[in-house]
Amino acid sequence: MPDNRQPDWEELRWSLKRRRSDARLTLDQLAEKSSVARRTLVQLEAGTTKGSVETWFRLAEAFDVEVGELLVPLYGATRHR
């Protein structure tokens, strides 16, 4: 049976904000570490943009995690393989 769940962009934005907070990084620090513009980070955390694939790969690298781990909140842990 196919999984018809929709991506949970709201959960992803909250997850990004929590991860940044847990890492004790300011938006400016994460922008520098990830080479993602501060404005883009603000928009991601506010939910006004979804970001590009390149953006999510850069953020994963900055947090030293696989991009799949960073994106798990889109569909929940059961979708992570």
PDB file of N, CA and C in Angstrom:
ATOM      1  N   MET A   1       0.845  -1.183   0.000  1.00  0.00           N
ATOM      2  CA  MET A   1       0.000   0.000   0.000  1.00  0.00           C
ATOM      3  C   MET A   1       0.891   1.247   0.000  1.00  0.00           C
ATOM      4  N   PRO A   2       0.682   2.159  -0.928  1.00  0.00           N
ATOM      5  CA  PRO A   2       1.532   3.355  -1.004  1.00  0.00           C
ATOM      6  C   PRO A   2       1.326   4.280   0.195  1.00  0.00           C
ATOM      7  N   ASP A   3       2.373   4.992   0.512  1.00  0.00           N
ATOM      8  CA  ASP A   3       2.338   5.971   1.599  1.00  0.00           C
ATOM      9  C   ASP A   3       1.953   7.315   0.994  1.00  0.00           C
ATOM     10  N   ASN A   4       0.756   7.796   1.321  1.00  0.00           N
ATOM     11  CA  ASN A   4       0.247   9.030   0.727  1.00  0.00           C
ATOM     12  C   ASN A   4       0.421  10.248   1.612  1.00  0.00           C
ATOM     13  N   ARG A   5       1.247  10.142   2.645  1.00  0.00           N
ATOM     14  CA  ARG A   5       1.449  11.294   3.521  1.00  0.00           C
ATOM     15  C   ARG A   5       2.120  12.431   2.761  1.00  0.00           C
ATOM     16  N   GLN A   6       1.768  13.626   3.139  1.00  0.00           N
ATOM     17  CA  GLN A   6       2.367  14.818   2.561  1.00  0.00           C
ATOM     18  C   GLN A   6       3.575  15.232   3.404  1.00  0.00           C
ATOM     19  N   PRO A   7       4.564  15.879   2.785  1.00  0.00           N
ATOM     20  CA  PRO A   7       5.719  16.342   3.565  1.00  0.00           C
ATOM     21  C   PRO A   7       5.279  17.328   4.644  1.00  0.00           C
ATOM     22  N   ASP A   8       5.879  17.211   5.802  1.00  0.00           N
ATOM     23  CA  ASP A   8       5.553  18.088   6.936  1.00  0.00           C
ATOM     24  C   ASP A   8       6.605  19.196   7.015  1.00  0.00           C
ATOM     25  N   TRP A   9       6.430  20.227   6.186  1.00  0.00           N
ATOM     26  CA  TRP A   9       7.396  21.331   6.130  1.00  0.00           C
ATOM     27  C   TRP A   9       7.446  22.098   7.440  1.00  0.00           C
ATOM     28  N   GLU A  10       6.335  22.171   8.129  1.00  0.00           N
ATOM     29  CA  GLU A  10       6.292  22.867   9.418  1.00  0.00           C
ATOM     30  C   GLU A  10       7.209  22.164  10.431  1.00  0.00           C
ATOM     31  N   GLU A  11       7.142  20.854  10.465  1.00  0.00           N
ATOM     32  CA  GLU A  11       7.999  20.094  11.387  1.00  0.00           C
ATOM     33  C   GLU A  11       9.467  20.244  11.000  1.00  0.00           C
ATOM     34  N   LEU A  12       9.744  20.280   9.706  1.00  0.00           N
ATOM     35  CA  LEU A  12      11.130  20.442   9.253  1.00  0.00           C
ATOM     36  C   LEU A  12      11.685  21.787   9.692  1.00  0.00           C
ATOM     37  N   ARG A  13      10.889  22.838   9.576  1.00  0.00           N
ATOM     38  CA  ARG A  13      11.396  24.160   9.983  1.00  0.00           C
ATOM     39  C   ARG A  13      11.654  24.204  11.486  1.00  0.00           C
ATOM     40  N   TRP A  14      10.749  23.608  12.269  1.00  0.00           N
ATOM     41  CA  TRP A  14      10.966  23.575  13.727  1.00  0.00           C
ATOM     42  C   TRP A  14      12.180  22.727  14.070  1.00  0.00           C
ATOM     43  N   SER A  15      12.370  21.654  13.347  1.00  0.00           N
ATOM     44  CA  SER A  15      13.517  20.786  13.580  1.00  0.00           C
ATOM     45  C   SER A  15      14.823  21.531  13.308  1.00  0.00           C
ATOM     46  N   LEU A  16      14.858  22.298  12.231  1.00  0.00           N
ATOM     47  CA  LEU A  16      16.050  23.080  11.915  1.00  0.00           C
ATOM     48  C   LEU A  16      16.336  24.084  13.026  1.00  0.00           C
ATOM     49  N   LYS A  17      15.303  24.747  13.483  1.00  0.00           N
ATOM     50  CA  LYS A  17      15.475  25.744  14.546  1.00  0.00           C
ATOM     51  C   LYS A  17      15.982  25.082  15.837  1.00  0.00           C
ATOM     52  N   ARG A  18      15.408  23.922  16.177  1.00  0.00           N
ATOM     53  CA  ARG A  18      15.859  23.195  17.373  1.00  0.00           C
ATOM     54  C   ARG A  18      17.301  22.742  17.235  1.00  0.00           C
ATOM     55  N   ARG A  19      17.635  22.216  16.075  1.00  0.00           N
ATOM     56  CA  ARG A  19      19.006  21.727  15.847  1.00  0.00           C
ATOM     57  C   ARG A  19      20.002  22.883  15.976  1.00  0.00           C
ATOM     58  N   ARG A  20      19.661  24.029  15.418  1.00  0.00           N
ATOM     59  CA  ARG A  20      20.552  25.202  15.527  1.00  0.00           C
ATOM     60  C   ARG A  20      20.685  25.636  16.977  1.00  0.00           C
ATOM     61  N   SER A  21      19.567  25.660  17.680  1.00  0.00           N
ATOM     62  CA  SER A  21      19.575  26.042  19.091  1.00  0.00           C
ATOM     63  C   SER A  21      20.385  25.055  19.924  1.00  0.00           C
ATOM     64  N   ASP A  22      20.180  23.769  19.683  1.00  0.00           N
ATOM     65  CA  ASP A  22      20.926  22.731  20.415  1.00  0.00           C
ATOM     66  C   ASP A  22      22.431  22.842  20.165  1.00  0.00           C
ATOM     67  N   ALA A  23      22.785  23.268  18.957  1.00  0.00           N
ATOM     68  CA  ALA A  23      24.202  23.446  18.612  1.00  0.00           C
ATOM     69  C   ALA A  23      24.740  24.780  19.121  1.00  0.00           C
ATOM     70  N   ARG A  24      23.853  25.581  19.728  1.00  0.00           N
ATOM     71  CA  ARG A  24      24.206  26.896  20.266  1.00  0.00           C
ATOM     72  C   ARG A  24      24.827  27.804  19.198  1.00  0.00           C
ATOM     73  N   LEU A  25      24.179  27.770  18.025  1.00  0.00           N
ATOM     74  CA  LEU A  25      24.633  28.601  16.917  1.00  0.00           C
ATOM     75  C   LEU A  25      23.642  29.726  16.673  1.00  0.00           C
ATOM     76  N   THR A  26      24.155  30.906  16.464  1.00  0.00           N
ATOM     77  CA  THR A  26      23.303  32.010  16.027  1.00  0.00           C
ATOM     78  C   THR A  26      23.054  31.836  14.523  1.00  0.00           C
ATOM     79  N   LEU A  27      22.116  32.594  14.007  1.00  0.00           N
ATOM     80  CA  LEU A  27      21.883  32.554  12.567  1.00  0.00           C
ATOM     81  C   LEU A  27      23.140  32.964  11.801  1.00  0.00           C
ATOM     82  N   ASP A  28      23.828  33.976  12.307  1.00  0.00           N
ATOM     83  CA  ASP A  28      25.060  34.421  11.651  1.00  0.00           C
ATOM     84  C   ASP A  28      26.128  33.332  11.659  1.00  0.00           C
ATOM     85  N   GLN A  29      26.265  32.632  12.776  1.00  0.00           N
ATOM     86  CA  GLN A  29      27.258  31.566  12.865  1.00  0.00           C
ATOM     87  C   GLN A  29      26.938  30.413  11.926  1.00  0.00           C
ATOM     88  N   LEU A  30      25.658  30.020  11.883  1.00  0.00           N
ATOM     89  CA  LEU A  30      25.275  28.937  10.983  1.00  0.00           C
ATOM     90  C   LEU A  30      25.429  29.360   9.527  1.00  0.00           C
ATOM     91  N   ALA A  31      25.120  30.602   9.229  1.00  0.00           N
ATOM     92  CA  ALA A  31      25.298  31.107   7.865  1.00  0.00           C
ATOM     93  C   ALA A  31      26.759  30.994   7.447  1.00  0.00           C
ATOM     94  N   GLU A  32      27.642  31.393   8.332  1.00  0.00           N
ATOM     95  CA  GLU A  32      29.073  31.317   8.015  1.00  0.00           C
ATOM     96  C   GLU A  32      29.530  29.871   7.880  1.00  0.00           C
ATOM     97  N   LYS A  33      29.112  29.039   8.792  1.00  0.00           N
ATOM     98  CA  LYS A  33      29.542  27.628   8.815  1.00  0.00           C
ATOM     99  C   LYS A  33      29.012  26.852   7.610  1.00  0.00           C
ATOM    100  N   SER A  34      27.813  27.187   7.147  1.00  0.00           N
ATOM    101  CA  SER A  34      27.171  26.424   6.077  1.00  0.00           C
ATOM    102  C   SER A  34      27.293  27.071   4.695  1.00  0.00           C
ATOM    103  N   SER A  35      27.730  28.308   4.647  1.00  0.00           N
ATOM    104  CA  SER A  35      27.752  29.083   3.395  1.00  0.00           C
ATOM    105  C   SER A  35      26.342  29.254   2.828  1.00  0.00           C
ATOM    106  N   VAL A  36      25.359  29.292   3.714  1.00  0.00           N
ATOM    107  CA  VAL A  36      23.974  29.578   3.351  1.00  0.00           C
ATOM    108  C   VAL A  36      23.684  30.988   3.866  1.00  0.00           C
ATOM    109  N   ALA A  37      23.101  31.809   3.040  1.00  0.00           N
ATOM    110  CA  ALA A  37      22.833  33.193   3.431  1.00  0.00           C
ATOM    111  C   ALA A  37      21.957  33.252   4.686  1.00  0.00           C
ATOM    112  N   ARG A  38      22.264  34.199   5.552  1.00  0.00           N
ATOM    113  CA  ARG A  38      21.483  34.381   6.778  1.00  0.00           C
ATOM    114  C   ARG A  38      20.012  34.584   6.431  1.00  0.00           C
ATOM    115  N   ARG A  39      19.753  35.348   5.404  1.00  0.00           N
ATOM    116  CA  ARG A  39      18.368  35.613   4.980  1.00  0.00           C
ATOM    117  C   ARG A  39      17.649  34.303   4.641  1.00  0.00           C
ATOM    118  N   THR A  40      18.340  33.394   3.968  1.00  0.00           N
ATOM    119  CA  THR A  40      17.751  32.086   3.635  1.00  0.00           C
ATOM    120  C   THR A  40      17.450  31.306   4.898  1.00  0.00           C
ATOM    121  N   LEU A  41      18.352  31.333   5.870  1.00  0.00           N
ATOM    122  CA  LEU A  41      18.115  30.633   7.134  1.00  0.00           C
ATOM    123  C   LEU A  41      16.890  31.198   7.852  1.00  0.00           C
ATOM    124  N   VAL A  42      16.778  32.509   7.861  1.00  0.00           N
ATOM    125  CA  VAL A  42      15.611  33.154   8.481  1.00  0.00           C
ATOM    126  C   VAL A  42      14.341  32.684   7.777  1.00  0.00           C
ATOM    127  N   GLN A  43      14.365  32.649   6.462  1.00  0.00           N
ATOM    128  CA  GLN A  43      13.196  32.225   5.693  1.00  0.00           C
ATOM    129  C   GLN A  43      12.868  30.752   5.933  1.00  0.00           C
ATOM    130  N   LEU A  44      13.880  29.905   6.034  1.00  0.00           N
ATOM    131  CA  LEU A  44      13.647  28.488   6.321  1.00  0.00           C
ATOM    132  C   LEU A  44      12.982  28.314   7.685  1.00  0.00           C
ATOM    133  N   GLU A  45      13.516  28.995   8.677  1.00  0.00           N
ATOM    134  CA  GLU A  45      12.975  28.863  10.031  1.00  0.00           C
ATOM    135  C   GLU A  45      11.589  29.498  10.151  1.00  0.00           C
ATOM    136  N   ALA A  46      11.295  30.484   9.315  1.00  0.00           N
ATOM    137  CA  ALA A  46       9.975  31.124   9.337  1.00  0.00           C
ATOM    138  C   ALA A  46       8.966  30.355   8.485  1.00  0.00           C
ATOM    139  N   GLY A  47       9.457  29.460   7.658  1.00  0.00           N
ATOM    140  CA  GLY A  47       8.569  28.685   6.804  1.00  0.00           C
ATOM    141  C   GLY A  47       8.146  29.395   5.542  1.00  0.00           C
ATOM    142  N   THR A  48       8.870  30.444   5.154  1.00  0.00           N
ATOM    143  CA  THR A  48       8.503  31.172   3.942  1.00  0.00           C
ATOM    144  C   THR A  48       9.219  30.649   2.705  1.00  0.00           C
ATOM    145  N   THR A  49      10.149  29.708   2.886  1.00  0.00           N
ATOM    146  CA  THR A  49      10.802  29.028   1.772  1.00  0.00           C
ATOM    147  C   THR A  49      11.083  27.598   2.203  1.00  0.00           C
ATOM    148  N   LYS A  50      11.225  26.736   1.240  1.00  0.00           N
ATOM    149  CA  LYS A  50      11.528  25.330   1.527  1.00  0.00           C
ATOM    150  C   LYS A  50      13.007  25.028   1.329  1.00  0.00           C
ATOM    151  N   GLY A  51      13.700  25.904   0.643  1.00  0.00           N
ATOM    152  CA  GLY A  51      15.126  25.716   0.417  1.00  0.00           C
ATOM    153  C   GLY A  51      15.407  24.792  -0.752  1.00  0.00           C
ATOM    154  N   SER A  52      16.589  24.911  -1.276  1.00  0.00           N
ATOM    155  CA  SER A  52      17.012  24.074  -2.399  1.00  0.00           C
ATOM    156  C   SER A  52      17.701  22.823  -1.873  1.00  0.00           C
ATOM    157  N   VAL A  53      17.879  21.870  -2.743  1.00  0.00           N
ATOM    158  CA  VAL A  53      18.621  20.659  -2.380  1.00  0.00           C
ATOM    159  C   VAL A  53      20.022  21.048  -1.918  1.00  0.00           C
ATOM    160  N   GLU A  54      20.646  21.956  -2.633  1.00  0.00           N
ATOM    161  CA  GLU A  54      21.993  22.404  -2.270  1.00  0.00           C
ATOM    162  C   GLU A  54      22.014  23.009  -0.860  1.00  0.00           C
ATOM    163  N   THR A  55      21.002  23.794  -0.529  1.00  0.00           N
ATOM    164  CA  THR A  55      20.919  24.398   0.806  1.00  0.00           C
ATOM    165  C   THR A  55      20.880  23.332   1.884  1.00  0.00           C
ATOM    166  N   TRP A  56      20.034  22.307   1.692  1.00  0.00           N
ATOM    167  CA  TRP A  56      19.911  21.256   2.711  1.00  0.00           C
ATOM    168  C   TRP A  56      21.191  20.430   2.822  1.00  0.00           C
ATOM    169  N   PHE A  57      21.892  20.212   1.709  1.00  0.00           N
ATOM    170  CA  PHE A  57      23.177  19.511   1.784  1.00  0.00           C
ATOM    171  C   PHE A  57      24.207  20.346   2.543  1.00  0.00           C
ATOM    172  N   ARG A  58      24.223  21.643   2.299  1.00  0.00           N
ATOM    173  CA  ARG A  58      25.164  22.518   3.021  1.00  0.00           C
ATOM    174  C   ARG A  58      24.860  22.538   4.520  1.00  0.00           C
ATOM    175  N   LEU A  59      23.581  22.572   4.868  1.00  0.00           N
ATOM    176  CA  LEU A  59      23.206  22.561   6.289  1.00  0.00           C
ATOM    177  C   LEU A  59      23.571  21.234   6.939  1.00  0.00           C
ATOM    178  N   ALA A  60      23.341  20.152   6.233  1.00  0.00           N
ATOM    179  CA  ALA A  60      23.712  18.836   6.773  1.00  0.00           C
ATOM    180  C   ALA A  60      25.212  18.779   7.047  1.00  0.00           C
ATOM    181  N   GLU A  61      25.982  19.276   6.120  1.00  0.00           N
ATOM    182  CA  GLU A  61      27.432  19.297   6.303  1.00  0.00           C
ATOM    183  C   GLU A  61      27.821  20.164   7.501  1.00  0.00           C
ATOM    184  N   ALA A  62      27.174  21.302   7.649  1.00  0.00           N
ATOM    185  CA  ALA A  62      27.475  22.204   8.771  1.00  0.00           C
ATOM    186  C   ALA A  62      27.150  21.550  10.110  1.00  0.00           C
ATOM    187  N   PHE A  63      26.084  20.736  10.146  1.00  0.00           N
ATOM    188  CA  PHE A  63      25.704  20.049  11.382  1.00  0.00           C
ATOM    189  C   PHE A  63      26.399  18.692  11.519  1.00  0.00           C
ATOM    190  N   ASP A  64      27.201  18.322  10.515  1.00  0.00           N
ATOM    191  CA  ASP A  64      27.934  17.057  10.504  1.00  0.00           C
ATOM    192  C   ASP A  64      26.994  15.852  10.605  1.00  0.00           C
ATOM    193  N   VAL A  65      25.931  15.893   9.794  1.00  0.00           N
ATOM    194  CA  VAL A  65      24.983  14.778   9.704  1.00  0.00           C
ATOM    195  C   VAL A  65      24.711  14.494   8.226  1.00  0.00           C
ATOM    196  N   GLU A  66      24.170  13.315   7.957  1.00  0.00           N
ATOM    197  CA  GLU A  66      23.742  12.990   6.598  1.00  0.00           C
ATOM    198  C   GLU A  66      22.512  13.827   6.270  1.00  0.00           C
ATOM    199  N   VAL A  67      22.352  14.192   5.023  1.00  0.00           N
ATOM    200  CA  VAL A  67      21.202  15.012   4.631  1.00  0.00           C
ATOM    201  C   VAL A  67      19.895  14.283   4.939  1.00  0.00           C
ATOM    202  N   GLY A  68      19.884  12.977   4.813  1.00  0.00           N
ATOM    203  CA  GLY A  68      18.679  12.209   5.132  1.00  0.00           C
ATOM    204  C   GLY A  68      18.263  12.369   6.580  1.00  0.00           C
ATOM    205  N   GLU A  69      19.247  12.420   7.468  1.00  0.00           N
ATOM    206  CA  GLU A  69      18.945  12.617   8.891  1.00  0.00           C
ATOM    207  C   GLU A  69      18.334  13.996   9.121  1.00  0.00           C
ATOM    208  N   LEU A  70      18.853  14.969   8.421  1.00  0.00           N
ATOM    209  CA  LEU A  70      18.348  16.335   8.566  1.00  0.00           C
ATOM    210  C   LEU A  70      16.906  16.459   8.059  1.00  0.00           C
ATOM    211  N   LEU A  71      16.572  15.665   7.045  1.00  0.00           N
ATOM    212  CA  LEU A  71      15.253  15.760   6.421  1.00  0.00           C
ATOM    213  C   LEU A  71      14.220  14.779   6.976  1.00  0.00           C
ATOM    214  N   VAL A  72      14.594  13.954   7.927  1.00  0.00           N
ATOM    215  CA  VAL A  72      13.659  12.992   8.527  1.00  0.00           C
ATOM    216  C   VAL A  72      12.336  13.632   8.950  1.00  0.00           C
ATOM    217  N   PRO A  73      12.323  14.823   9.532  1.00  0.00           N
ATOM    218  CA  PRO A  73      11.051  15.407   9.962  1.00  0.00           C
ATOM    219  C   PRO A  73      10.025  15.618   8.840  1.00  0.00           C
ATOM    220  N   LEU A  74      10.458  15.604   7.589  1.00  0.00           N
ATOM    221  CA  LEU A  74       9.504  15.762   6.498  1.00  0.00           C
ATOM    222  C   LEU A  74       8.431  14.675   6.508  1.00  0.00           C
ATOM    223  N   TYR A  75       8.841  13.460   6.825  1.00  0.00           N
ATOM    224  CA  TYR A  75       7.909  12.334   6.800  1.00  0.00           C
ATOM    225  C   TYR A  75       7.904  11.534   8.090  1.00  0.00           C
ATOM    226  N   GLY A  76       8.705  11.927   9.046  1.00  0.00           N
ATOM    227  CA  GLY A  76       8.766  11.190  10.307  1.00  0.00           C
ATOM    228  C   GLY A  76       9.823  10.104  10.238  1.00  0.00           C
ATOM    229  N   ALA A  77      10.194   9.618  11.397  1.00  0.00           N
ATOM    230  CA  ALA A  77      11.282   8.645  11.517  1.00  0.00           C
ATOM    231  C   ALA A  77      10.990   7.354  10.781  1.00  0.00           C
ATOM    232  N   THR A  78       9.741   6.983  10.609  1.00  0.00           N
ATOM    233  CA  THR A  78       9.432   5.723   9.945  1.00  0.00           C
ATOM    234  C   THR A  78       9.817   5.732   8.478  1.00  0.00           C
ATOM    235  N   ARG A  79       9.971   6.901   7.881  1.00  0.00           N
ATOM    236  CA  ARG A  79      10.348   6.996   6.472  1.00  0.00           C
ATOM    237  C   ARG A  79      11.855   6.999   6.280  1.00  0.00           C
ATOM    238  N   HIS A  80      12.613   7.211   7.352  1.00  0.00           N
ATOM    239  CA  HIS A  80      14.077   7.279   7.278  1.00  0.00           C
ATOM    240  C   HIS A  80      14.634   5.881   7.089  1.00  0.00           C
ATOM    241  N   ARG A  81      15.408   5.676   6.052  1.00  0.00           N
ATOM    242  CA  ARG A  81      16.008   4.354   5.794  1.00  0.00           C
ATOM    243  C   ARG A  81      17.475   4.500   5.550  1.00  0.00           C
TER     244      ARG A  81
END
